[in-house]
Amino acid sequence: MVGTPLAEEKGDELKKEILIALMDKLKYLKELNGEPFEEELMKDAKDTKEARIQEALEAKKAADEAAAEAAKLAAENPEGGEPAEDGA
């Protein structure tokens, strides 16, 4: 990717994204695009990857909870109208 407009535009951010995507497959990587990278960049990539995984898990949990609630409401009111209020 050396010399591509994307590499020139993104710089270390592109390196970080590559590390995030490939760090598990390239455990002994010492250079990226022919340049050594700092251990701090690898730590930042690991932290970012872990944060993204956690965010995805939380989003999935929220979506699952919303789907369960929607299914519960649909089961309580199969006609599709508004649920009946108590005392009505």
PDB file of N, CA and C in Angstrom:
ATOM      1  N   MET A   1       0.811  -1.201   0.000  1.00  0.00           N
ATOM      2  CA  MET A   1       0.000   0.000   0.000  1.00  0.00           C
ATOM      3  C   MET A   1       0.850   1.260   0.000  1.00  0.00           C
ATOM      4  N   VAL A   2       2.160   1.082   0.107  1.00  0.00           N
ATOM      5  CA  VAL A   2       3.049   2.240   0.116  1.00  0.00           C
ATOM      6  C   VAL A   2       2.828   3.056  -1.154  1.00  0.00           C
ATOM      7  N   GLY A   3       2.702   4.342  -0.969  1.00  0.00           N
ATOM      8  CA  GLY A   3       2.563   5.242  -2.107  1.00  0.00           C
ATOM      9  C   GLY A   3       1.146   5.400  -2.634  1.00  0.00           C
ATOM     10  N   THR A   4       0.198   4.691  -2.079  1.00  0.00           N
ATOM     11  CA  THR A   4      -1.181   4.853  -2.529  1.00  0.00           C
ATOM     12  C   THR A   4      -1.782   6.091  -1.867  1.00  0.00           C
ATOM     13  N   PRO A   5      -2.763   6.703  -2.504  1.00  0.00           N
ATOM     14  CA  PRO A   5      -3.392   7.886  -1.890  1.00  0.00           C
ATOM     15  C   PRO A   5      -3.991   7.585  -0.518  1.00  0.00           C
ATOM     16  N   LEU A   6      -4.563   6.395  -0.351  1.00  0.00           N
ATOM     17  CA  LEU A   6      -5.145   6.046   0.939  1.00  0.00           C
ATOM     18  C   LEU A   6      -4.082   5.983   2.024  1.00  0.00           C
ATOM     19  N   ALA A   7      -2.941   5.375   1.715  1.00  0.00           N
ATOM     20  CA  ALA A   7      -1.850   5.289   2.693  1.00  0.00           C
ATOM     21  C   ALA A   7      -1.311   6.671   3.030  1.00  0.00           C
ATOM     22  N   GLU A   8      -1.210   7.515   2.043  1.00  0.00           N
ATOM     23  CA  GLU A   8      -0.710   8.868   2.289  1.00  0.00           C
ATOM     24  C   GLU A   8      -1.713   9.681   3.097  1.00  0.00           C
ATOM     25  N   GLU A   9      -2.990   9.486   2.817  1.00  0.00           N
ATOM     26  CA  GLU A   9      -4.033  10.244   3.519  1.00  0.00           C
ATOM     27  C   GLU A   9      -4.205   9.780   4.963  1.00  0.00           C
ATOM     28  N   LYS A  10      -4.230   8.477   5.179  1.00  0.00           N
ATOM     29  CA  LYS A  10      -4.541   7.926   6.496  1.00  0.00           C
ATOM     30  C   LYS A  10      -3.322   7.743   7.393  1.00  0.00           C
ATOM     31  N   GLY A  11      -2.138   7.552   6.852  1.00  0.00           N
ATOM     32  CA  GLY A  11      -0.918   7.427   7.640  1.00  0.00           C
ATOM     33  C   GLY A  11      -1.009   6.347   8.704  1.00  0.00           C
ATOM     34  N   ASP A  12      -0.729   6.714   9.952  1.00  0.00           N
ATOM     35  CA  ASP A  12      -0.732   5.749  11.047  1.00  0.00           C
ATOM     36  C   ASP A  12      -2.116   5.166  11.313  1.00  0.00           C
ATOM     37  N   GLU A  13      -3.164   5.894  10.993  1.00  0.00           N
ATOM     38  CA  GLU A  13      -4.511   5.346  11.182  1.00  0.00           C
ATOM     39  C   GLU A  13      -4.729   4.134  10.277  1.00  0.00           C
ATOM     40  N   LEU A  14      -4.200   4.181   9.065  1.00  0.00           N
ATOM     41  CA  LEU A  14      -4.302   3.033   8.167  1.00  0.00           C
ATOM     42  C   LEU A  14      -3.495   1.869   8.730  1.00  0.00           C
ATOM     43  N   LYS A  15      -2.321   2.150   9.247  1.00  0.00           N
ATOM     44  CA  LYS A  15      -1.512   1.098   9.867  1.00  0.00           C
ATOM     45  C   LYS A  15      -2.280   0.457  11.020  1.00  0.00           C
ATOM     46  N   LYS A  16      -2.917   1.294  11.827  1.00  0.00           N
ATOM     47  CA  LYS A  16      -3.674   0.778  12.962  1.00  0.00           C
ATOM     48  C   LYS A  16      -4.819  -0.113  12.485  1.00  0.00           C
ATOM     49  N   GLU A  17      -5.536   0.303  11.448  1.00  0.00           N
ATOM     50  CA  GLU A  17      -6.649  -0.503  10.932  1.00  0.00           C
ATOM     51  C   GLU A  17      -6.150  -1.834  10.384  1.00  0.00           C
ATOM     52  N   ILE A  18      -5.002  -1.829   9.737  1.00  0.00           N
ATOM     53  CA  ILE A  18      -4.419  -3.080   9.235  1.00  0.00           C
ATOM     54  C   ILE A  18      -4.053  -3.977  10.411  1.00  0.00           C
ATOM     55  N   LEU A  19      -3.467  -3.404  11.434  1.00  0.00           N
ATOM     56  CA  LEU A  19      -3.113  -4.191  12.615  1.00  0.00           C
ATOM     57  C   LEU A  19      -4.353  -4.779  13.283  1.00  0.00           C
ATOM     58  N   ILE A  20      -5.405  -3.984  13.384  1.00  0.00           N
ATOM     59  CA  ILE A  20      -6.644  -4.463  13.995  1.00  0.00           C
ATOM     60  C   ILE A  20      -7.173  -5.669  13.209  1.00  0.00           C
ATOM     61  N   ALA A  21      -7.156  -5.564  11.903  1.00  0.00           N
ATOM     62  CA  ALA A  21      -7.698  -6.630  11.064  1.00  0.00           C
ATOM     63  C   ALA A  21      -6.832  -7.881  11.051  1.00  0.00           C
ATOM     64  N   LEU A  22      -5.520  -7.711  11.134  1.00  0.00           N
ATOM     65  CA  LEU A  22      -4.622  -8.850  10.907  1.00  0.00           C
ATOM     66  C   LEU A  22      -3.793  -9.279  12.109  1.00  0.00           C
ATOM     67  N   MET A  23      -3.917  -8.616  13.235  1.00  0.00           N
ATOM     68  CA  MET A  23      -3.002  -8.890  14.351  1.00  0.00           C
ATOM     69  C   MET A  23      -3.033 -10.337  14.814  1.00  0.00           C
ATOM     70  N   ASP A  24      -4.163 -10.992  14.741  1.00  0.00           N
ATOM     71  CA  ASP A  24      -4.234 -12.380  15.190  1.00  0.00           C
ATOM     72  C   ASP A  24      -3.571 -13.339  14.205  1.00  0.00           C
ATOM     73  N   LYS A  25      -3.511 -12.955  12.950  1.00  0.00           N
ATOM     74  CA  LYS A  25      -2.921 -13.807  11.926  1.00  0.00           C
ATOM     75  C   LYS A  25      -1.435 -13.521  11.713  1.00  0.00           C
ATOM     76  N   LEU A  26      -0.997 -12.342  12.098  1.00  0.00           N
ATOM     77  CA  LEU A  26       0.391 -11.941  11.874  1.00  0.00           C
ATOM     78  C   LEU A  26       1.065 -11.645  13.212  1.00  0.00           C
ATOM     79  N   LYS A  27       1.189 -12.652  14.043  1.00  0.00           N
ATOM     80  CA  LYS A  27       1.684 -12.464  15.408  1.00  0.00           C
ATOM     81  C   LYS A  27       3.126 -11.975  15.470  1.00  0.00           C
ATOM     82  N   TYR A  28       3.908 -12.259  14.443  1.00  0.00           N
ATOM     83  CA  TYR A  28       5.328 -11.898  14.479  1.00  0.00           C
ATOM     84  C   TYR A  28       5.647 -10.737  13.552  1.00  0.00           C
ATOM     85  N   LEU A  29       4.644  -9.973  13.202  1.00  0.00           N
ATOM     86  CA  LEU A  29       4.825  -8.825  12.324  1.00  0.00           C
ATOM     87  C   LEU A  29       5.711  -7.780  12.994  1.00  0.00           C
ATOM     88  N   LYS A  30       6.743  -7.363  12.287  1.00  0.00           N
ATOM     89  CA  LYS A  30       7.664  -6.358  12.826  1.00  0.00           C
ATOM     90  C   LYS A  30       7.675  -5.088  11.983  1.00  0.00           C
ATOM     91  N   GLU A  31       7.248  -5.207  10.723  1.00  0.00           N
ATOM     92  CA  GLU A  31       7.205  -4.053   9.818  1.00  0.00           C
ATOM     93  C   GLU A  31       5.863  -4.022   9.118  1.00  0.00           C
ATOM     94  N   LEU A  32       5.466  -2.826   8.755  1.00  0.00           N
ATOM     95  CA  LEU A  32       4.235  -2.626   8.004  1.00  0.00           C
ATOM     96  C   LEU A  32       4.534  -1.618   6.919  1.00  0.00           C
ATOM     97  N   ASN A  33       4.305  -2.006   5.679  1.00  0.00           N
ATOM     98  CA  ASN A  33       4.655  -1.160   4.533  1.00  0.00           C
ATOM     99  C   ASN A  33       6.149  -0.836   4.511  1.00  0.00           C
ATOM    100  N   GLY A  34       6.954  -1.807   4.940  1.00  0.00           N
ATOM    101  CA  GLY A  34       8.398  -1.622   4.908  1.00  0.00           C
ATOM    102  C   GLY A  34       8.948  -0.748   6.011  1.00  0.00           C
ATOM    103  N   GLU A  35       8.098  -0.350   6.930  1.00  0.00           N
ATOM    104  CA  GLU A  35       8.522   0.514   8.030  1.00  0.00           C
ATOM    105  C   GLU A  35       8.238  -0.188   9.355  1.00  0.00           C
ATOM    106  N   PRO A  36       9.179  -0.118  10.287  1.00  0.00           N
ATOM    107  CA  PRO A  36       8.881  -0.678  11.606  1.00  0.00           C
ATOM    108  C   PRO A  36       7.777   0.135  12.270  1.00  0.00           C
ATOM    109  N   PHE A  37       6.992  -0.515  13.071  1.00  0.00           N
ATOM    110  CA  PHE A  37       5.962   0.220  13.802  1.00  0.00           C
ATOM    111  C   PHE A  37       6.247   0.085  15.284  1.00  0.00           C
ATOM    112  N   GLU A  38       5.793   1.065  16.010  1.00  0.00           N
ATOM    113  CA  GLU A  38       6.058   1.121  17.441  1.00  0.00           C
ATOM    114  C   GLU A  38       5.096   0.210  18.198  1.00  0.00           C
ATOM    115  N   GLU A  39       5.573  -0.312  19.299  1.00  0.00           N
ATOM    116  CA  GLU A  39       4.741  -1.170  20.143  1.00  0.00           C
ATOM    117  C   GLU A  39       3.497  -0.416  20.625  1.00  0.00           C
ATOM    118  N   GLU A  40       3.624   0.896  20.783  1.00  0.00           N
ATOM    119  CA  GLU A  40       2.477   1.708  21.207  1.00  0.00           C
ATOM    120  C   GLU A  40       1.345   1.638  20.177  1.00  0.00           C
ATOM    121  N   LEU A  41       1.698   1.594  18.892  1.00  0.00           N
ATOM    122  CA  LEU A  41       0.690   1.480  17.837  1.00  0.00           C
ATOM    123  C   LEU A  41      -0.026   0.131  17.944  1.00  0.00           C
ATOM    124  N   MET A  42       0.724  -0.938  18.226  1.00  0.00           N
ATOM    125  CA  MET A  42       0.118  -2.257  18.386  1.00  0.00           C
ATOM    126  C   MET A  42      -0.803  -2.270  19.606  1.00  0.00           C
ATOM    127  N   LYS A  43      -0.387  -1.663  20.710  1.00  0.00           N
ATOM    128  CA  LYS A  43      -1.235  -1.605  21.911  1.00  0.00           C
ATOM    129  C   LYS A  43      -2.508  -0.820  21.627  1.00  0.00           C
ATOM    130  N   ASP A  44      -2.376   0.293  20.916  1.00  0.00           N
ATOM    131  CA  ASP A  44      -3.541   1.102  20.562  1.00  0.00           C
ATOM    132  C   ASP A  44      -4.491   0.297  19.674  1.00  0.00           C
ATOM    133  N   ALA A  45      -3.936  -0.454  18.732  1.00  0.00           N
ATOM    134  CA  ALA A  45      -4.761  -1.282  17.854  1.00  0.00           C
ATOM    135  C   ALA A  45      -5.494  -2.355  18.661  1.00  0.00           C
ATOM    136  N   LYS A  46      -4.801  -2.996  19.599  1.00  0.00           N
ATOM    137  CA  LYS A  46      -5.440  -4.018  20.440  1.00  0.00           C
ATOM    138  C   LYS A  46      -6.559  -3.413  21.280  1.00  0.00           C
ATOM    139  N   ASP A  47      -6.294  -2.253  21.876  1.00  0.00           N
ATOM    140  CA  ASP A  47      -7.308  -1.592  22.697  1.00  0.00           C
ATOM    141  C   ASP A  47      -8.529  -1.213  21.861  1.00  0.00           C
ATOM    142  N   THR A  48      -8.283  -0.692  20.666  1.00  0.00           N
ATOM    143  CA  THR A  48      -9.376  -0.312  19.772  1.00  0.00           C
ATOM    144  C   THR A  48     -10.191  -1.528  19.366  1.00  0.00           C
ATOM    145  N   LYS A  49      -9.496  -2.625  19.041  1.00  0.00           N
ATOM    146  CA  LYS A  49     -10.199  -3.856  18.649  1.00  0.00           C
ATOM    147  C   LYS A  49     -11.065  -4.360  19.793  1.00  0.00           C
ATOM    148  N   GLU A  50     -10.530  -4.386  21.005  1.00  0.00           N
ATOM    149  CA  GLU A  50     -11.302  -4.843  22.164  1.00  0.00           C
ATOM    150  C   GLU A  50     -12.513  -3.952  22.413  1.00  0.00           C
ATOM    151  N   ALA A  51     -12.339  -2.640  22.260  1.00  0.00           N
ATOM    152  CA  ALA A  51     -13.455  -1.709  22.456  1.00  0.00           C
ATOM    153  C   ALA A  51     -14.538  -1.929  21.398  1.00  0.00           C
ATOM    154  N   ARG A  52     -14.128  -2.163  20.153  1.00  0.00           N
ATOM    155  CA  ARG A  52     -15.106  -2.418  19.085  1.00  0.00           C
ATOM    156  C   ARG A  52     -15.870  -3.710  19.332  1.00  0.00           C
ATOM    157  N   ILE A  53     -15.181  -4.734  19.806  1.00  0.00           N
ATOM    158  CA  ILE A  53     -15.845  -6.004  20.112  1.00  0.00           C
ATOM    159  C   ILE A  53     -16.857  -5.794  21.226  1.00  0.00           C
ATOM    160  N   GLN A  54     -16.473  -5.069  22.269  1.00  0.00           N
ATOM    161  CA  GLN A  54     -17.378  -4.804  23.391  1.00  0.00           C
ATOM    162  C   GLN A  54     -18.597  -4.007  22.928  1.00  0.00           C
ATOM    163  N   GLU A  55     -18.382  -2.998  22.090  1.00  0.00           N
ATOM    164  CA  GLU A  55     -19.502  -2.203  21.567  1.00  0.00           C
ATOM    165  C   GLU A  55     -20.446  -3.077  20.750  1.00  0.00           C
ATOM    166  N   ALA A  56     -19.894  -3.977  19.947  1.00  0.00           N
ATOM    167  CA  ALA A  56     -20.727  -4.865  19.131  1.00  0.00           C
ATOM    168  C   ALA A  56     -21.536  -5.813  20.013  1.00  0.00           C
ATOM    169  N   LEU A  57     -20.920  -6.333  21.060  1.00  0.00           N
ATOM    170  CA  LEU A  57     -21.641  -7.219  21.977  1.00  0.00           C
ATOM    171  C   LEU A  57     -22.778  -6.480  22.674  1.00  0.00           C
ATOM    172  N   GLU A  58     -22.508  -5.242  23.098  1.00  0.00           N
ATOM    173  CA  GLU A  58     -23.546  -4.448  23.759  1.00  0.00           C
ATOM    174  C   GLU A  58     -24.686  -4.109  22.801  1.00  0.00           C
ATOM    175  N   ALA A  59     -24.352  -3.799  21.549  1.00  0.00           N
ATOM    176  CA  ALA A  59     -25.381  -3.499  20.557  1.00  0.00           C
ATOM    177  C   ALA A  59     -26.232  -4.735  20.268  1.00  0.00           C
ATOM    178  N   LYS A  60     -25.592  -5.905  20.189  1.00  0.00           N
ATOM    179  CA  LYS A  60     -26.327  -7.145  19.944  1.00  0.00           C
ATOM    180  C   LYS A  60     -27.255  -7.443  21.121  1.00  0.00           C
ATOM    181  N   LYS A  61     -26.756  -7.244  22.327  1.00  0.00           N
ATOM    182  CA  LYS A  61     -27.581  -7.489  23.511  1.00  0.00           C
ATOM    183  C   LYS A  61     -28.798  -6.569  23.511  1.00  0.00           C
ATOM    184  N   ALA A  62     -28.587  -5.296  23.189  1.00  0.00           N
ATOM    185  CA  ALA A  62     -29.699  -4.343  23.144  1.00  0.00           C
ATOM    186  C   ALA A  62     -30.701  -4.731  22.057  1.00  0.00           C
ATOM    187  N   ALA A  63     -30.210  -5.157  20.906  1.00  0.00           N
ATOM    188  CA  ALA A  63     -31.099  -5.568  19.820  1.00  0.00           C
ATOM    189  C   ALA A  63     -31.880  -6.819  20.200  1.00  0.00           C
ATOM    190  N   ASP A  64     -31.211  -7.774  20.853  1.00  0.00           N
ATOM    191  CA  ASP A  64     -31.888  -8.994  21.299  1.00  0.00           C
ATOM    192  C   ASP A  64     -32.980  -8.670  22.319  1.00  0.00           C
ATOM    193  N   GLU A  65     -32.680  -7.754  23.241  1.00  0.00           N
ATOM    194  CA  GLU A  65     -33.666  -7.364  24.245  1.00  0.00           C
ATOM    195  C   GLU A  65     -34.861  -6.667  23.596  1.00  0.00           C
ATOM    196  N   ALA A  66     -34.597  -5.806  22.618  1.00  0.00           N
ATOM    197  CA  ALA A  66     -35.679  -5.117  21.918  1.00  0.00           C
ATOM    198  C   ALA A  66     -36.539  -6.110  21.135  1.00  0.00           C
ATOM    199  N   ALA A  67     -35.895  -7.091  20.507  1.00  0.00           N
ATOM    200  CA  ALA A  67     -36.646  -8.100  19.757  1.00  0.00           C
ATOM    201  C   ALA A  67     -37.496  -8.955  20.702  1.00  0.00           C
ATOM    202  N   ALA A  68     -36.939  -9.300  21.850  1.00  0.00           N
ATOM    203  CA  ALA A  68     -37.697 -10.091  22.823  1.00  0.00           C
ATOM    204  C   ALA A  68     -38.901  -9.306  23.332  1.00  0.00           C
ATOM    205  N   GLU A  69     -38.710  -8.032  23.591  1.00  0.00           N
ATOM    206  CA  GLU A  69     -39.813  -7.185  24.059  1.00  0.00           C
ATOM    207  C   GLU A  69     -40.891  -7.060  22.984  1.00  0.00           C
ATOM    208  N   ALA A  70     -40.469  -6.896  21.729  1.00  0.00           N
ATOM    209  CA  ALA A  70     -41.426  -6.801  20.627  1.00  0.00           C
ATOM    210  C   ALA A  70     -42.196  -8.115  20.475  1.00  0.00           C
ATOM    211  N   ALA A  71     -41.503  -9.240  20.609  1.00  0.00           N
ATOM    212  CA  ALA A  71     -42.170 -10.541  20.516  1.00  0.00           C
ATOM    213  C   ALA A  71     -43.169 -10.717  21.658  1.00  0.00           C
ATOM    214  N   LYS A  72     -42.796 -10.270  22.843  1.00  0.00           N
ATOM    215  CA  LYS A  72     -43.687 -10.370  24.005  1.00  0.00           C
ATOM    216  C   LYS A  72     -44.941  -9.542  23.775  1.00  0.00           C
ATOM    217  N   LEU A  73     -44.767  -8.312  23.286  1.00  0.00           N
ATOM    218  CA  LEU A  73     -45.924  -7.453  23.019  1.00  0.00           C
ATOM    219  C   LEU A  73     -46.806  -8.037  21.923  1.00  0.00           C
ATOM    220  N   ALA A  74     -46.185  -8.610  20.908  1.00  0.00           N
ATOM    221  CA  ALA A  74     -46.960  -9.218  19.823  1.00  0.00           C
ATOM    222  C   ALA A  74     -47.746 -10.430  20.335  1.00  0.00           C
ATOM    223  N   ALA A  75     -47.160 -11.205  21.237  1.00  0.00           N
ATOM    224  CA  ALA A  75     -47.845 -12.371  21.792  1.00  0.00           C
ATOM    225  C   ALA A  75     -49.008 -11.952  22.689  1.00  0.00           C
ATOM    226  N   GLU A  76     -48.826 -10.844  23.397  1.00  0.00           N
ATOM    227  CA  GLU A  76     -49.878 -10.357  24.287  1.00  0.00           C
ATOM    228  C   GLU A  76     -51.032  -9.753  23.498  1.00  0.00           C
ATOM    229  N   ASN A  77     -50.771  -9.277  22.305  1.00  0.00           N
ATOM    230  CA  ASN A  77     -51.785  -8.600  21.513  1.00  0.00           C
ATOM    231  C   ASN A  77     -51.685  -9.075  20.057  1.00  0.00           C
ATOM    232  N   PRO A  78     -52.153 -10.273  19.769  1.00  0.00           N
ATOM    233  CA  PRO A  78     -52.004 -10.820  18.420  1.00  0.00           C
ATOM    234  C   PRO A  78     -52.793 -10.066  17.355  1.00  0.00           C
ATOM    235  N   GLU A  79     -53.723  -9.219  17.746  1.00  0.00           N
ATOM    236  CA  GLU A  79     -54.512  -8.449  16.782  1.00  0.00           C
ATOM    237  C   GLU A  79     -53.707  -7.322  16.148  1.00  0.00           C
ATOM    238  N   GLY A  80     -52.616  -6.939  16.781  1.00  0.00           N
ATOM    239  CA  GLY A  80     -51.772  -5.877  16.230  1.00  0.00           C
ATOM    240  C   GLY A  80     -52.169  -4.483  16.660  1.00  0.00           C
ATOM    241  N   GLY A  81     -53.206  -4.346  17.446  1.00  0.00           N
ATOM    242  CA  GLY A  81     -53.621  -3.022  17.927  1.00  0.00           C
ATOM    243  C   GLY A  81     -52.866  -2.641  19.189  1.00  0.00           C
ATOM    244  N   GLU A  82     -53.323  -1.592  19.812  1.00  0.00           N
ATOM    245  CA  GLU A  82     -52.720  -1.140  21.054  1.00  0.00           C
ATOM    246  C   GLU A  82     -53.081  -2.108  22.168  1.00  0.00           C
ATOM    247  N   PRO A  83     -52.141  -2.377  23.073  1.00  0.00           N
ATOM    248  CA  PRO A  83     -52.474  -3.244  24.217  1.00  0.00           C
ATOM    249  C   PRO A  83     -53.571  -2.605  25.064  1.00  0.00           C
ATOM    250  N   ALA A  84     -54.437  -3.440  25.592  1.00  0.00           N
ATOM    251  CA  ALA A  84     -55.519  -2.947  26.440  1.00  0.00           C
ATOM    252  C   ALA A  84     -54.944  -2.428  27.749  1.00  0.00           C
ATOM    253  N   GLU A  85     -55.490  -1.320  28.239  1.00  0.00           N
ATOM    254  CA  GLU A  85     -55.048  -0.780  29.515  1.00  0.00           C
ATOM    255  C   GLU A  85     -55.830  -1.460  30.627  1.00  0.00           C
ATOM    256  N   ASP A  86     -55.228  -1.519  31.802  1.00  0.00           N
ATOM    257  CA  ASP A  86     -55.924  -2.118  32.953  1.00  0.00           C
ATOM    258  C   ASP A  86     -57.188  -1.337  33.247  1.00  0.00           C
ATOM    259  N   GLY A  87     -58.252  -2.049  33.540  1.00  0.00           N
ATOM    260  CA  GLY A  87     -59.507  -1.406  33.917  1.00  0.00           C
ATOM    261  C   GLY A  87     -60.329  -0.960  32.731  1.00  0.00           C
ATOM    262  N   ALA A  88     -59.935  -1.328  31.516  1.00  0.00           N
ATOM    263  CA  ALA A  88     -60.698  -0.883  30.365  1.00  0.00           C
ATOM    264  C   ALA A  88     -61.768  -1.856  29.991  1.00  0.00           C
TER     265      ALA A  88
END
